[in-house]
Amino acid sequence: MIRYSSSPAWGNLEHLPHDLKTSIKVIAGNIEDPEFAIQALRGQDIVFHLAALIAVPYSYLAQRNYVRTNIKGTLNVVEAARRLGVSRVVHTSTSEVYGTAITDRIDESHPLQGQSPFSAPKIGADKIAESYFCSFSTPVVTVRPFNTFGPRQSARAIIPAIISQAATREVIELGALDTLRDMTFVGDTISGFLAAGQRPGSKAKPSTSGPARHFSSATSPIESYP
């Protein structure tokens, strides 16, 4: 599913090999529409729910949009899955739900902190998904990726920002240099999603997806876990 607009473009799906593009079905719509969610999920066995508004800065200007898309949109997906008897929903969360790290290593036991109008609705979406597992036994798994990077990533992200500046100027300008980041290559993130979709049984507990090493904006890896 892609978001409906006046453009017929498929976004990054346009980069798929021709034989793969012709073998998939793409439908355009709006996750905020419950009837569309039912139409999109009908006949599906495993659903990967990635639809969301994701830009943190914009969330400070359009709070209600984030609530509608991220909370109500997720409600529409899990309700459609419940009605249609889908065998598995993989709900996409984000490391942003943990807020500023309280401990050096963030795992699923780390407290959730709604520090922005983006992270707060994502926490709400996670809890909606969890409630459907607890109340209706809807087979939902929540995955929380950390800082995914790879081909065709937005230039706003840290790695593309460093590469583009290094290619065009003598001095690289960044924000805080003491920030620790958990970077995950997109291929590894995809492998994690596929594993979550294929794992036998159903489990409501969120799963944090990330690497075993921290990276700093100022240096190479500065800490690694055993």
C-alpha atoms as a PDB file:
ATOM      1  CA  MET A   1       0.000   0.000   0.000  1.00  0.00           C
ATOM      2  CA  ILE A   2       1.180   3.527  -0.778  1.00  0.00           C
ATOM      3  CA  ARG A   3      -0.390   6.840   0.195  1.00  0.00           C
ATOM      4  CA  TYR A   4      -2.798   8.164  -2.402  1.00  0.00           C
ATOM      5  CA  SER A   5      -1.793  11.406  -4.129  1.00  0.00           C
ATOM      6  CA  SER A   6      -2.176  13.087  -7.500  1.00  0.00           C
ATOM      7  CA  SER A   7       1.127  11.508  -8.600  1.00  0.00           C
ATOM      8  CA  PRO A   8       1.139   7.926  -9.907  1.00  0.00           C
ATOM      9  CA  ALA A   9       4.719   7.415  -8.690  1.00  0.00           C
ATOM     10  CA  TRP A  10       5.509   4.545  -6.312  1.00  0.00           C
ATOM     11  CA  GLY A  11       8.321   6.329  -4.459  1.00  0.00           C
ATOM     12  CA  ASN A  12      11.335   4.103  -3.794  1.00  0.00           C
ATOM     13  CA  LEU A  13       9.387   1.112  -5.091  1.00  0.00           C
ATOM     14  CA  GLU A  14      10.188   2.536  -8.534  1.00  0.00           C
ATOM     15  CA  HIS A  15      13.774   1.310  -8.026  1.00  0.00           C
ATOM     16  CA  LEU A  16      12.704  -2.347  -7.913  1.00  0.00           C
ATOM     17  CA  PRO A  17      13.808  -4.592 -10.797  1.00  0.00           C
ATOM     18  CA  HIS A  18      11.224  -4.714 -13.567  1.00  0.00           C
ATOM     19  CA  ASP A  19      10.360  -8.387 -13.079  1.00  0.00           C
ATOM     20  CA  LEU A  20       9.721  -7.789  -9.375  1.00  0.00           C
ATOM     21  CA  LYS A  21       7.642  -4.659  -9.993  1.00  0.00           C
ATOM     22  CA  THR A  22       5.365  -6.560 -12.340  1.00  0.00           C
ATOM     23  CA  SER A  23       4.872  -9.346  -9.781  1.00  0.00           C
ATOM     24  CA  ILE A  24       3.526  -7.176  -6.954  1.00  0.00           C
ATOM     25  CA  LYS A  25       0.235  -5.386  -6.482  1.00  0.00           C
ATOM     26  CA  VAL A  26       0.361  -1.779  -5.283  1.00  0.00           C
ATOM     27  CA  ILE A  27      -2.766   0.007  -4.086  1.00  0.00           C
ATOM     28  CA  ALA A  28      -3.029   3.674  -3.140  1.00  0.00           C
ATOM     29  CA  GLY A  29      -5.070   4.917  -0.222  1.00  0.00           C
ATOM     30  CA  ASN A  30      -5.053   6.463   3.236  1.00  0.00           C
ATOM     31  CA  ILE A  31      -4.391   4.501   6.428  1.00  0.00           C
ATOM     32  CA  GLU A  32      -6.720   6.881   8.266  1.00  0.00           C
ATOM     33  CA  ASP A  33      -9.665   5.389   6.348  1.00  0.00           C
ATOM     34  CA  PRO A  34     -10.912   2.254   8.189  1.00  0.00           C
ATOM     35  CA  GLU A  35     -12.788   0.937   5.153  1.00  0.00           C
ATOM     36  CA  PHE A  36      -9.644   1.209   3.063  1.00  0.00           C
ATOM     37  CA  ALA A  37      -7.645  -0.652   5.733  1.00  0.00           C
ATOM     38  CA  ILE A  38     -10.114  -3.547   5.535  1.00  0.00           C
ATOM     39  CA  GLN A  39      -9.896  -3.534   1.742  1.00  0.00           C
ATOM     40  CA  ALA A  40      -6.088  -3.520   1.845  1.00  0.00           C
ATOM     41  CA  LEU A  41      -5.818  -6.369   4.376  1.00  0.00           C
ATOM     42  CA  ARG A  42      -8.491  -8.620   2.914  1.00  0.00           C
ATOM     43  CA  GLY A  43      -6.992 -11.914   1.787  1.00  0.00           C
ATOM     44  CA  GLN A  44      -3.596 -11.216   3.368  1.00  0.00           C
ATOM     45  CA  ASP A  45      -1.798 -13.636   5.672  1.00  0.00           C
ATOM     46  CA  ILE A  46       1.017 -11.471   7.111  1.00  0.00           C
ATOM     47  CA  VAL A  47       0.758  -7.672   7.353  1.00  0.00           C
ATOM     48  CA  PHE A  48       3.791  -5.405   7.763  1.00  0.00           C
ATOM     49  CA  HIS A  49       2.439  -2.113   9.117  1.00  0.00           C
ATOM     50  CA  LEU A  50       4.931   0.680   8.353  1.00  0.00           C
ATOM     51  CA  ALA A  51       2.479   3.493   7.550  1.00  0.00           C
ATOM     52  CA  ALA A  52       3.266   6.554   9.689  1.00  0.00           C
ATOM     53  CA  LEU A  53       4.202  10.207   9.803  1.00  0.00           C
ATOM     54  CA  ILE A  54       7.863  10.108  10.832  1.00  0.00           C
ATOM     55  CA  ALA A  55       9.549  13.539  10.712  1.00  0.00           C
ATOM     56  CA  VAL A  56      10.141  14.687  14.299  1.00  0.00           C
ATOM     57  CA  PRO A  57      10.538  18.448  13.524  1.00  0.00           C
ATOM     58  CA  TYR A  58       7.218  18.575  11.632  1.00  0.00           C
ATOM     59  CA  SER A  59       5.439  16.970  14.596  1.00  0.00           C
ATOM     60  CA  TYR A  60       5.854  20.214  16.543  1.00  0.00           C
ATOM     61  CA  LEU A  61       3.779  21.999  13.890  1.00  0.00           C
ATOM     62  CA  ALA A  62       1.117  19.382  13.102  1.00  0.00           C
ATOM     63  CA  GLN A  63       0.401  17.442  16.273  1.00  0.00           C
ATOM     64  CA  ARG A  64      -3.105  16.343  15.308  1.00  0.00           C
ATOM     65  CA  ASN A  65      -1.863  14.920  12.001  1.00  0.00           C
ATOM     66  CA  TYR A  66       0.484  12.643  13.931  1.00  0.00           C
ATOM     67  CA  VAL A  67      -2.299  11.463  16.221  1.00  0.00           C
ATOM     68  CA  ARG A  68      -4.628  10.759  13.283  1.00  0.00           C
ATOM     69  CA  THR A  69      -2.073   8.868  11.214  1.00  0.00           C
ATOM     70  CA  ASN A  70      -0.013   7.089  13.846  1.00  0.00           C
ATOM     71  CA  ILE A  71      -2.658   6.223  16.445  1.00  0.00           C
ATOM     72  CA  LYS A  72      -5.901   6.074  14.483  1.00  0.00           C
ATOM     73  CA  GLY A  73      -4.129   4.557  11.485  1.00  0.00           C
ATOM     74  CA  THR A  74      -2.716   1.778  13.650  1.00  0.00           C
ATOM     75  CA  LEU A  75      -6.148   1.234  15.211  1.00  0.00           C
ATOM     76  CA  ASN A  76      -7.588   0.795  11.720  1.00  0.00           C
ATOM     77  CA  VAL A  77      -4.924  -1.770  10.809  1.00  0.00           C
ATOM     78  CA  VAL A  78      -5.240  -3.952  13.903  1.00  0.00           C
ATOM     79  CA  GLU A  79      -9.049  -3.755  13.853  1.00  0.00           C
ATOM     80  CA  ALA A  80      -9.066  -4.840  10.205  1.00  0.00           C
ATOM     81  CA  ALA A  81      -6.648  -7.654  11.094  1.00  0.00           C
ATOM     82  CA  ARG A  82      -8.944  -8.760  13.927  1.00  0.00           C
ATOM     83  CA  ARG A  83     -12.041  -8.786  11.737  1.00  0.00           C
ATOM     84  CA  LEU A  84     -10.351 -10.587   8.850  1.00  0.00           C
ATOM     85  CA  GLY A  85      -8.449 -13.146  10.918  1.00  0.00           C
ATOM     86  CA  VAL A  86      -4.982 -12.146   9.683  1.00  0.00           C
ATOM     87  CA  SER A  87      -2.353 -14.576  11.002  1.00  0.00           C
ATOM     88  CA  ARG A  88       0.276 -11.959  11.915  1.00  0.00           C
ATOM     89  CA  VAL A  89       0.641  -8.159  12.071  1.00  0.00           C
ATOM     90  CA  VAL A  90       4.151  -6.730  12.377  1.00  0.00           C
ATOM     91  CA  HIS A  91       3.661  -3.239  13.803  1.00  0.00           C
ATOM     92  CA  THR A  92       6.505  -0.768  13.250  1.00  0.00           C
ATOM     93  CA  SER A  93       7.458   1.323  16.251  1.00  0.00           C
ATOM     94  CA  THR A  94      10.598   3.452  16.657  1.00  0.00           C
ATOM     95  CA  SER A  95      13.515   3.928  19.030  1.00  0.00           C
ATOM     96  CA  GLU A  96      12.110   7.433  19.618  1.00  0.00           C
ATOM     97  CA  VAL A  97       9.574   5.973  22.055  1.00  0.00           C
ATOM     98  CA  TYR A  98      12.417   5.507  24.555  1.00  0.00           C
ATOM     99  CA  GLY A  99      13.274   9.231  24.562  1.00  0.00           C
ATOM    100  CA  THR A 100      16.576  10.323  26.070  1.00  0.00           C
ATOM    101  CA  ALA A 101      18.424   7.208  27.204  1.00  0.00           C
ATOM    102  CA  ILE A 102      18.327   6.567  30.946  1.00  0.00           C
ATOM    103  CA  THR A 103      20.714   3.601  30.680  1.00  0.00           C
ATOM    104  CA  ASP A 104      23.712   3.018  28.403  1.00  0.00           C
ATOM    105  CA  ARG A 105      22.079   0.051  26.751  1.00  0.00           C
ATOM    106  CA  ILE A 106      18.461   0.422  25.656  1.00  0.00           C
ATOM    107  CA  ASP A 107      16.371  -2.727  25.547  1.00  0.00           C
ATOM    108  CA  GLU A 108      12.657  -3.459  25.802  1.00  0.00           C
ATOM    109  CA  SER A 109      12.653  -2.809  29.557  1.00  0.00           C
ATOM    110  CA  HIS A 110      13.690   0.837  29.090  1.00  0.00           C
ATOM    111  CA  PRO A 111      10.870   3.260  30.098  1.00  0.00           C
ATOM    112  CA  LEU A 112       8.803   4.831  27.304  1.00  0.00           C
ATOM    113  CA  GLN A 113       9.027   8.635  27.219  1.00  0.00           C
ATOM    114  CA  GLY A 114       6.811  10.803  25.031  1.00  0.00           C
ATOM    115  CA  GLN A 115       9.309  13.609  24.537  1.00  0.00           C
ATOM    116  CA  SER A 116       7.884  14.922  21.259  1.00  0.00           C
ATOM    117  CA  PRO A 117       4.533  15.054  19.429  1.00  0.00           C
ATOM    118  CA  PHE A 118       6.030  12.326  17.232  1.00  0.00           C
ATOM    119  CA  SER A 119       7.132   9.884  19.937  1.00  0.00           C
ATOM    120  CA  ALA A 120       3.972  10.269  22.046  1.00  0.00           C
ATOM    121  CA  PRO A 121       1.563   9.076  19.297  1.00  0.00           C
ATOM    122  CA  LYS A 122       3.979   6.255  18.435  1.00  0.00           C
ATOM    123  CA  ILE A 123       3.804   5.125  22.066  1.00  0.00           C
ATOM    124  CA  GLY A 124       0.025   5.313  21.746  1.00  0.00           C
ATOM    125  CA  ALA A 125       0.169   3.215  18.576  1.00  0.00           C
ATOM    126  CA  ASP A 126       2.335   0.605  20.335  1.00  0.00           C
ATOM    127  CA  LYS A 127      -0.183   0.393  23.158  1.00  0.00           C
ATOM    128  CA  ILE A 128      -3.118   0.102  20.759  1.00  0.00           C
ATOM    129  CA  ALA A 129      -1.348  -2.848  19.126  1.00  0.00           C
ATOM    130  CA  GLU A 130      -0.600  -4.370  22.536  1.00  0.00           C
ATOM    131  CA  SER A 131      -4.202  -3.913  23.675  1.00  0.00           C
ATOM    132  CA  TYR A 132      -5.498  -5.854  20.665  1.00  0.00           C
ATOM    133  CA  PHE A 133      -3.228  -8.748  21.570  1.00  0.00           C
ATOM    134  CA  CYS A 134      -4.282  -8.643  25.223  1.00  0.00           C
ATOM    135  CA  SER A 135      -8.004  -8.087  24.592  1.00  0.00           C
ATOM    136  CA  PHE A 136      -8.683  -9.991  21.363  1.00  0.00           C
ATOM    137  CA  SER A 137      -5.599 -12.249  20.935  1.00  0.00           C
ATOM    138  CA  THR A 138      -4.854 -10.454  17.665  1.00  0.00           C
ATOM    139  CA  PRO A 139      -1.410 -11.788  16.639  1.00  0.00           C
ATOM    140  CA  VAL A 140       0.579  -8.542  16.751  1.00  0.00           C
ATOM    141  CA  VAL A 141       4.357  -8.168  17.044  1.00  0.00           C
ATOM    142  CA  THR A 142       5.930  -4.733  17.607  1.00  0.00           C
ATOM    143  CA  VAL A 143       9.400  -3.983  16.203  1.00  0.00           C
ATOM    144  CA  ARG A 144      11.403  -0.903  17.258  1.00  0.00           C
ATOM    145  CA  PRO A 145      14.245  -0.230  14.777  1.00  0.00           C
ATOM    146  CA  PHE A 146      17.204   2.002  15.650  1.00  0.00           C
ATOM    147  CA  ASN A 147      18.687   4.495  13.138  1.00  0.00           C
ATOM    148  CA  THR A 148      18.368   2.533   9.917  1.00  0.00           C
ATOM    149  CA  PHE A 149      20.768   3.597   7.152  1.00  0.00           C
ATOM    150  CA  GLY A 150      21.372   2.505   3.582  1.00  0.00           C
ATOM    151  CA  PRO A 151      20.792   3.311  -0.113  1.00  0.00           C
ATOM    152  CA  ARG A 152      18.402   6.146  -1.013  1.00  0.00           C
ATOM    153  CA  GLN A 153      18.141   7.352   2.579  1.00  0.00           C
ATOM    154  CA  SER A 154      16.946  10.918   3.168  1.00  0.00           C
ATOM    155  CA  ALA A 155      19.762  13.476   3.101  1.00  0.00           C
ATOM    156  CA  ARG A 156      18.567  14.694   6.522  1.00  0.00           C
ATOM    157  CA  ALA A 157      20.001  11.605   8.231  1.00  0.00           C
ATOM    158  CA  ILE A 158      23.426  11.652   9.878  1.00  0.00           C
ATOM    159  CA  ILE A 159      25.371   9.364   7.489  1.00  0.00           C
ATOM    160  CA  PRO A 160      24.139  10.989   4.224  1.00  0.00           C
ATOM    161  CA  ALA A 161      24.737  14.418   5.814  1.00  0.00           C
ATOM    162  CA  ILE A 162      28.362  13.554   6.601  1.00  0.00           C
ATOM    163  CA  ILE A 163      29.007  11.967   3.187  1.00  0.00           C
ATOM    164  CA  SER A 164      27.482  14.841   1.205  1.00  0.00           C
ATOM    165  CA  GLN A 165      29.437  17.432   3.185  1.00  0.00           C
ATOM    166  CA  ALA A 166      32.688  15.464   2.922  1.00  0.00           C
ATOM    167  CA  ALA A 167      32.283  15.373  -0.863  1.00  0.00           C
ATOM    168  CA  THR A 168      31.701  19.111  -1.245  1.00  0.00           C
ATOM    169  CA  ARG A 169      33.519  21.019   1.511  1.00  0.00           C
ATOM    170  CA  GLU A 170      36.624  21.080   3.674  1.00  0.00           C
ATOM    171  CA  VAL A 171      34.793  21.303   7.022  1.00  0.00           C
ATOM    172  CA  ILE A 172      31.919  19.047   8.092  1.00  0.00           C
ATOM    173  CA  GLU A 173      29.358  20.840  10.257  1.00  0.00           C
ATOM    174  CA  LEU A 174      27.220  18.807  12.646  1.00  0.00           C
ATOM    175  CA  GLY A 175      25.200  19.420  15.788  1.00  0.00           C
ATOM    176  CA  ALA A 176      26.050  17.807  19.123  1.00  0.00           C
ATOM    177  CA  LEU A 177      29.176  15.675  18.762  1.00  0.00           C
ATOM    178  CA  ASP A 178      28.762  13.705  21.987  1.00  0.00           C
ATOM    179  CA  THR A 179      25.587  11.909  20.851  1.00  0.00           C
ATOM    180  CA  LEU A 180      25.778   8.111  20.763  1.00  0.00           C
ATOM    181  CA  ARG A 181      23.881   6.446  17.930  1.00  0.00           C
ATOM    182  CA  ASP A 182      22.908   2.842  17.252  1.00  0.00           C
ATOM    183  CA  MET A 183      23.168   2.433  13.475  1.00  0.00           C
ATOM    184  CA  THR A 184      21.501  -0.484  11.683  1.00  0.00           C
ATOM    185  CA  PHE A 185      21.979  -1.272   7.998  1.00  0.00           C
ATOM    186  CA  VAL A 186      18.678  -1.444   6.131  1.00  0.00           C
ATOM    187  CA  GLY A 187      19.276  -5.047   5.058  1.00  0.00           C
ATOM    188  CA  ASP A 188      19.575  -6.093   8.701  1.00  0.00           C
ATOM    189  CA  THR A 189      16.414  -4.184   9.569  1.00  0.00           C
ATOM    190  CA  ILE A 190      14.557  -6.018   6.798  1.00  0.00           C
ATOM    191  CA  SER A 191      15.856  -9.359   8.084  1.00  0.00           C
ATOM    192  CA  GLY A 192      14.513  -8.483  11.524  1.00  0.00           C
ATOM    193  CA  PHE A 193      11.088  -7.636  10.119  1.00  0.00           C
ATOM    194  CA  LEU A 194      10.926 -10.859   8.138  1.00  0.00           C
ATOM    195  CA  ALA A 195      11.907 -12.869  11.215  1.00  0.00           C
ATOM    196  CA  ALA A 196       9.170 -11.143  13.232  1.00  0.00           C
ATOM    197  CA  GLY A 197       6.627 -11.976  10.543  1.00  0.00           C
ATOM    198  CA  GLN A 198       7.608 -15.631  10.296  1.00  0.00           C
ATOM    199  CA  ARG A 199       8.228 -16.499  13.952  1.00  0.00           C
ATOM    200  CA  PRO A 200       5.801 -19.188  15.151  1.00  0.00           C
ATOM    201  CA  GLY A 201       3.166 -18.131  17.654  1.00  0.00           C
ATOM    202  CA  SER A 202       2.101 -14.612  18.572  1.00  0.00           C
ATOM    203  CA  LYS A 203       3.667 -12.307  21.100  1.00  0.00           C
ATOM    204  CA  ALA A 204       2.672  -8.834  22.231  1.00  0.00           C
ATOM    205  CA  LYS A 205       6.019  -7.887  23.796  1.00  0.00           C
ATOM    206  CA  PRO A 206       7.925  -5.329  21.675  1.00  0.00           C
ATOM    207  CA  SER A 207      11.267  -6.287  20.141  1.00  0.00           C
ATOM    208  CA  THR A 208      14.070  -3.726  19.856  1.00  0.00           C
ATOM    209  CA  SER A 209      16.059  -3.994  16.626  1.00  0.00           C
ATOM    210  CA  GLY A 210      19.562  -2.535  16.662  1.00  0.00           C
ATOM    211  CA  PRO A 211      23.290  -3.242  16.480  1.00  0.00           C
ATOM    212  CA  ALA A 212      25.682  -4.275  19.236  1.00  0.00           C
ATOM    213  CA  ARG A 213      27.831  -1.145  18.991  1.00  0.00           C
ATOM    214  CA  HIS A 214      27.475   2.585  19.689  1.00  0.00           C
ATOM    215  CA  PHE A 215      28.835   5.191  17.272  1.00  0.00           C
ATOM    216  CA  SER A 216      29.610   8.820  18.040  1.00  0.00           C
ATOM    217  CA  SER A 217      29.232  11.758  15.660  1.00  0.00           C
ATOM    218  CA  ALA A 218      32.786  12.778  16.570  1.00  0.00           C
ATOM    219  CA  THR A 219      34.702   9.479  16.406  1.00  0.00           C
ATOM    220  CA  SER A 220      34.654   5.901  15.174  1.00  0.00           C
ATOM    221  CA  PRO A 221      32.997   3.251  17.394  1.00  0.00           C
ATOM    222  CA  ILE A 222      33.622   4.157  21.018  1.00  0.00           C
ATOM    223  CA  GLU A 223      31.854   1.364  22.825  1.00  0.00           C
ATOM    224  CA  SER A 224      30.885  -2.188  22.057  1.00  0.00           C
ATOM    225  CA  TYR A 225      28.840  -4.709  23.978  1.00  0.00           C
ATOM    226  CA  PRO A 226      29.968  -8.284  24.583  1.00  0.00           C
END
